[in-house]
Amino acid sequence: MTNGGKDWGQRLSRWLDEWKIAASGIVLATRSARFLAVFAVTFVLFGILMNLLSGSSAALSLFWTTDLGGKMQILSQAFLAIFGVGRNFWDWALTFVIVVLQSLLIGLVALVWQKKRHNRKEQVAATASNSDNVQSAGLAAGLAVLGSGCPTCGTTLLAPVIGTLFSTSSYALASAISVVLTLAAIIVSLLTLKKLGNDAYALIVSERFLRRRSQHKQESEEKNE
C-alpha cells in the first residue's frame, strides 16, 4: 500500500510538473508575434462560428439568404457575443472557454511547427508531430462544433438530425449528447494543450540557450582577436 501510494504521488507530482512546464511554454509563446497573430485570427473566426451555431443552424441559414447589410449585422452580433453581449452568462462562459482553448491550440501548432522547421535534421519528425497536433486540434474543434448550442435553452446542431430518428425527444437527447461532446472537446483540447505547451517550452528555451552560447562564443572570439 505504501509503495502504491508513493507511485501515485510521484505520478501526480510528475503530471503537475508537466502542466507547470506547459503553462510556462504558453506564457513564453505569448511573446511571439506569430503566435499572437494566429491566436487573434482564430479567436475571432472560431468565436464568430461558435456563436452563429449557438442557436442551431438558423443563424447560418439566415446569413446565406439575407443581403450584405444583414450579413454584416449577423457577423457583428456574433462577434460581440464572443465577449458576452446578448448572451446568458453560463452559455457565454462555456463558449468563451472553448474558443480560447482552440485559439491557444492553433497558435501553438503554428509556433511549434515554425520553430521545428528551422532545424533540418528534425524536419521529418517535426512534420509527423505537427500532423498529429493538427489532427488533435481539428478533433477538438469538430467536437466543439458538433456540441455547439445553448446549454440553458437546449438548441444544438444535433437536434434536427436526432429528430428524424427519435421525434419528440430530439431536443432533450440532443442537449445531453451536446454536453458530452462539449466535455470531450474540452478534455481533448486540454490534453493537446499540455503536449504543445511542453513542446513550445522546450523549443523556446533551447533556442535561447543556443543563441546565448553563440553570442558568448562570438564575444570570446572577438576578445581573442
Protein backbone atom coordinates (compact mmCIF):
# COMPACT_ATOMS: atom_id res chain seq x y z
CA MET A 1 0.00 0.00 0.00
CA THR A 2 2.82 2.37 0.90
CA ASN A 3 4.67 1.74 -2.35
CA GLY A 4 1.42 2.12 -4.27
CA GLY A 5 0.77 5.43 -2.53
CA LYS A 6 4.27 6.65 -3.36
CA ASP A 7 3.84 5.64 -7.01
CA TRP A 8 0.60 7.56 -7.28
CA GLY A 9 2.18 10.52 -5.51
CA GLN A 10 5.11 10.50 -7.92
CA ARG A 11 2.78 10.25 -10.93
CA LEU A 12 0.68 13.14 -9.65
CA SER A 13 3.79 15.22 -8.99
CA ARG A 14 5.14 14.49 -12.48
CA TRP A 15 1.74 15.27 -14.02
CA LEU A 16 1.60 18.60 -12.17
CA ASP A 17 5.17 19.40 -13.24
CA GLU A 18 4.21 18.74 -16.87
CA TRP A 19 1.33 21.18 -16.54
CA LYS A 20 3.60 23.79 -14.96
CA ILE A 21 6.03 23.44 -17.87
CA ALA A 22 3.14 23.61 -20.35
CA ALA A 23 1.84 26.79 -18.69
CA SER A 24 5.36 28.28 -18.85
CA GLY A 25 5.54 27.33 -22.54
CA ILE A 26 2.25 29.11 -23.24
CA VAL A 27 3.44 32.23 -21.39
CA LEU A 28 6.70 32.23 -23.39
CA ALA A 29 4.72 31.70 -26.60
CA THR A 30 2.74 34.89 -25.98
CA ARG A 31 5.96 36.83 -26.64
CA SER A 32 5.94 35.57 -30.24
CA ALA A 33 4.28 37.78 -32.85
CA ARG A 34 3.40 34.71 -34.92
CA PHE A 35 1.60 33.08 -32.01
CA LEU A 36 -0.33 36.25 -31.17
CA ALA A 37 -1.37 36.80 -34.79
CA VAL A 38 -2.63 33.22 -35.24
CA PHE A 39 -4.33 33.32 -31.82
CA ALA A 40 -6.16 36.56 -32.66
CA VAL A 41 -7.36 35.37 -36.07
CA THR A 42 -8.54 32.02 -34.69
CA PHE A 43 -10.20 33.70 -31.72
CA VAL A 44 -12.26 35.96 -33.96
CA LEU A 45 -13.16 33.44 -36.68
CA PHE A 46 -13.83 30.46 -34.41
CA GLY A 47 -15.62 32.69 -31.90
CA ILE A 48 -17.96 34.02 -34.59
CA LEU A 49 -18.62 30.49 -35.87
CA MET A 50 -19.39 29.10 -32.41
CA ASN A 51 -21.78 31.97 -31.66
CA LEU A 52 -23.51 31.60 -35.02
CA LEU A 53 -24.05 27.92 -34.23
CA SER A 54 -25.24 28.59 -30.67
CA GLY A 55 -28.78 29.00 -31.99
CA SER A 56 -28.71 25.82 -34.11
CA SER A 57 -28.44 26.36 -37.88
CA ALA A 58 -30.99 29.20 -38.05
CA ALA A 59 -28.41 31.99 -37.99
CA LEU A 60 -26.36 30.38 -40.76
CA SER A 61 -29.45 29.84 -42.90
CA LEU A 62 -30.44 33.48 -42.45
CA PHE A 63 -26.87 34.58 -43.19
CA TRP A 64 -26.92 32.99 -46.67
CA THR A 65 -30.36 34.38 -47.58
CA THR A 66 -30.06 37.98 -46.35
CA ASP A 67 -28.43 40.94 -48.12
CA LEU A 68 -24.98 42.39 -47.40
CA GLY A 69 -26.27 44.67 -44.65
CA GLY A 70 -27.99 41.74 -42.97
CA LYS A 71 -24.84 39.63 -43.22
CA MET A 72 -22.75 42.36 -41.60
CA GLN A 73 -25.29 42.73 -38.80
CA ILE A 74 -25.31 38.97 -38.12
CA LEU A 75 -21.49 38.85 -38.09
CA SER A 76 -21.21 41.90 -35.82
CA GLN A 77 -23.71 40.41 -33.37
CA ALA A 78 -21.81 37.10 -33.40
CA PHE A 79 -18.54 38.98 -32.82
CA LEU A 80 -19.93 40.94 -29.87
CA ALA A 81 -21.37 37.70 -28.46
CA ILE A 82 -17.77 36.45 -28.06
CA PHE A 83 -17.48 38.98 -25.22
CA GLY A 84 -20.88 38.13 -23.71
CA VAL A 85 -23.06 40.78 -25.37
CA GLY A 86 -26.62 39.48 -25.59
CA ARG A 87 -25.69 36.07 -24.13
CA ASN A 88 -26.68 34.22 -21.00
CA PHE A 89 -23.62 34.21 -18.71
CA TRP A 90 -23.20 30.42 -18.48
CA ASP A 91 -23.78 29.92 -22.21
CA TRP A 92 -21.21 32.62 -22.95
CA ALA A 93 -18.68 31.32 -20.40
CA LEU A 94 -18.70 27.79 -21.86
CA THR A 95 -18.37 29.03 -25.44
CA PHE A 96 -15.65 31.52 -24.46
CA VAL A 97 -13.56 28.81 -22.74
CA ILE A 98 -13.78 26.58 -25.83
CA VAL A 99 -12.86 29.45 -28.16
CA VAL A 100 -9.84 30.43 -26.02
CA LEU A 101 -8.63 26.82 -25.80
CA GLN A 102 -8.98 26.33 -29.55
CA SER A 103 -7.19 29.61 -30.27
CA LEU A 104 -4.32 28.63 -27.97
CA LEU A 105 -4.07 25.25 -29.70
CA ILE A 106 -3.89 26.66 -33.22
CA GLY A 107 -1.46 29.39 -32.13
CA LEU A 108 0.85 26.81 -30.51
CA VAL A 109 0.62 24.48 -33.52
CA ALA A 110 1.80 27.32 -35.77
CA LEU A 111 4.59 28.33 -33.37
CA VAL A 112 5.90 24.79 -32.76
CA TRP A 113 5.79 23.97 -36.47
CA GLN A 114 7.71 27.14 -37.35
CA LYS A 115 10.43 26.53 -34.75
CA LYS A 116 10.87 22.84 -35.61
CA ARG A 117 11.01 23.65 -39.32
CA HIS A 118 14.19 25.69 -38.76
CA ASN A 119 16.09 22.55 -37.82
CA ARG A 120 16.52 20.49 -40.99
CA LYS A 121 17.60 17.41 -39.04
CA GLU A 122 14.21 17.34 -37.34
CA GLN A 123 12.10 18.14 -40.39
CA VAL A 124 10.68 14.63 -40.89
CA ALA A 125 9.89 14.13 -37.23
CA ALA A 126 8.54 17.67 -36.98
CA THR A 127 6.19 17.09 -39.92
CA ALA A 128 4.80 13.92 -38.36
CA SER A 129 4.47 15.55 -34.93
CA ASN A 130 2.78 18.63 -36.37
CA SER A 131 0.36 16.43 -38.30
CA ASP A 132 -0.65 14.76 -35.02
CA ASN A 133 -1.06 18.15 -33.36
CA VAL A 134 -3.25 19.41 -36.20
CA GLN A 135 -5.38 16.27 -36.03
CA SER A 136 -5.86 16.68 -32.28
CA ALA A 137 -6.73 20.37 -32.64
CA GLY A 138 -9.09 19.51 -35.50
CA LEU A 139 -10.76 16.79 -33.42
CA ALA A 140 -11.30 19.24 -30.56
CA ALA A 141 -12.75 21.81 -32.97
CA GLY A 142 -15.04 19.22 -34.58
CA LEU A 143 -16.37 18.05 -31.23
CA ALA A 144 -16.89 21.66 -30.15
CA VAL A 145 -18.84 22.47 -33.33
CA LEU A 146 -20.99 19.33 -33.07
CA GLY A 147 -21.69 20.05 -29.43
CA SER A 148 -22.29 23.75 -30.01
CA GLY A 149 -25.54 25.11 -28.73
CA CYS A 150 -27.14 26.84 -25.82
CA PRO A 151 -26.91 24.77 -22.61
CA THR A 152 -29.82 26.62 -20.98
CA CYS A 153 -32.18 26.51 -23.97
CA GLY A 154 -31.13 23.17 -25.42
CA THR A 155 -30.67 24.21 -29.05
CA THR A 156 -27.97 22.33 -30.92
CA LEU A 157 -27.00 21.27 -34.43
CA LEU A 158 -27.75 17.69 -33.45
CA ALA A 159 -31.44 18.29 -32.76
CA PRO A 160 -32.66 18.19 -36.41
CA VAL A 161 -30.67 15.01 -37.09
CA ILE A 162 -31.82 13.25 -33.93
CA GLY A 163 -35.36 14.50 -34.55
CA THR A 164 -35.63 12.36 -37.68
CA LEU A 165 -34.87 9.30 -35.53
CA PHE A 166 -36.41 9.97 -32.12
CA SER A 167 -39.12 12.57 -32.88
CA THR A 168 -40.39 14.42 -29.79
CA SER A 169 -37.42 13.68 -27.51
CA SER A 170 -34.91 15.02 -30.02
CA TYR A 171 -34.09 18.26 -28.20
CA ALA A 172 -33.63 16.60 -24.81
CA LEU A 173 -31.44 13.86 -26.28
CA ALA A 174 -29.51 16.30 -28.45
CA SER A 175 -28.88 18.52 -25.42
CA ALA A 176 -27.49 15.56 -23.45
CA ILE A 177 -25.24 14.47 -26.34
CA SER A 178 -24.18 18.08 -26.83
CA VAL A 179 -22.94 18.26 -23.23
CA VAL A 180 -20.94 15.03 -23.67
CA LEU A 181 -19.37 16.27 -26.92
CA THR A 182 -18.55 19.64 -25.39
CA LEU A 183 -16.85 17.99 -22.40
CA ALA A 184 -14.95 15.71 -24.79
CA ALA A 185 -13.84 18.77 -26.80
CA ILE A 186 -12.55 20.46 -23.64
CA ILE A 187 -10.69 17.31 -22.49
CA VAL A 188 -9.06 16.78 -25.91
CA SER A 189 -8.13 20.47 -26.03
CA LEU A 190 -6.52 20.40 -22.58
CA LEU A 191 -4.52 17.21 -23.27
CA THR A 192 -3.29 18.58 -26.59
CA LEU A 193 -2.56 21.93 -24.98
CA LYS A 194 -0.35 20.23 -22.38
CA LYS A 195 1.65 18.46 -25.08
CA LEU A 196 2.03 21.57 -27.23
CA GLY A 197 2.88 23.71 -24.21
CA ASN A 198 5.69 21.34 -23.27
CA ASP A 199 6.97 21.31 -26.86
CA ALA A 200 6.87 25.10 -27.04
CA TYR A 201 8.74 25.44 -23.73
CA ALA A 202 11.48 23.02 -24.80
CA LEU A 203 11.91 24.68 -28.20
CA ILE A 204 11.94 28.26 -26.90
CA VAL A 205 14.33 27.52 -24.00
CA SER A 206 16.62 25.52 -26.30
CA GLU A 207 16.59 28.32 -28.87
CA ARG A 208 17.51 30.89 -26.21
CA PHE A 209 20.32 28.69 -24.90
CA LEU A 210 21.81 28.22 -28.37
CA ARG A 211 21.53 31.95 -29.06
CA ARG A 212 23.33 32.84 -25.82
CA ARG A 213 26.03 30.25 -26.44
CA SER A 214 26.54 31.64 -29.94
CA GLN A 215 26.83 35.18 -28.53
CA HIS A 216 29.33 34.10 -25.88
CA LYS A 217 31.38 32.28 -28.49
CA GLN A 218 31.36 35.31 -30.76
CA GLU A 219 32.35 37.63 -27.89
CA SER A 220 35.23 35.32 -26.86
CA GLU A 221 36.48 35.16 -30.46
CA GLU A 222 36.40 38.97 -30.68
CA LYS A 223 38.40 39.24 -27.44
CA ASN A 224 40.99 36.77 -28.71
CA GLU A 225 41.45 38.80 -31.88
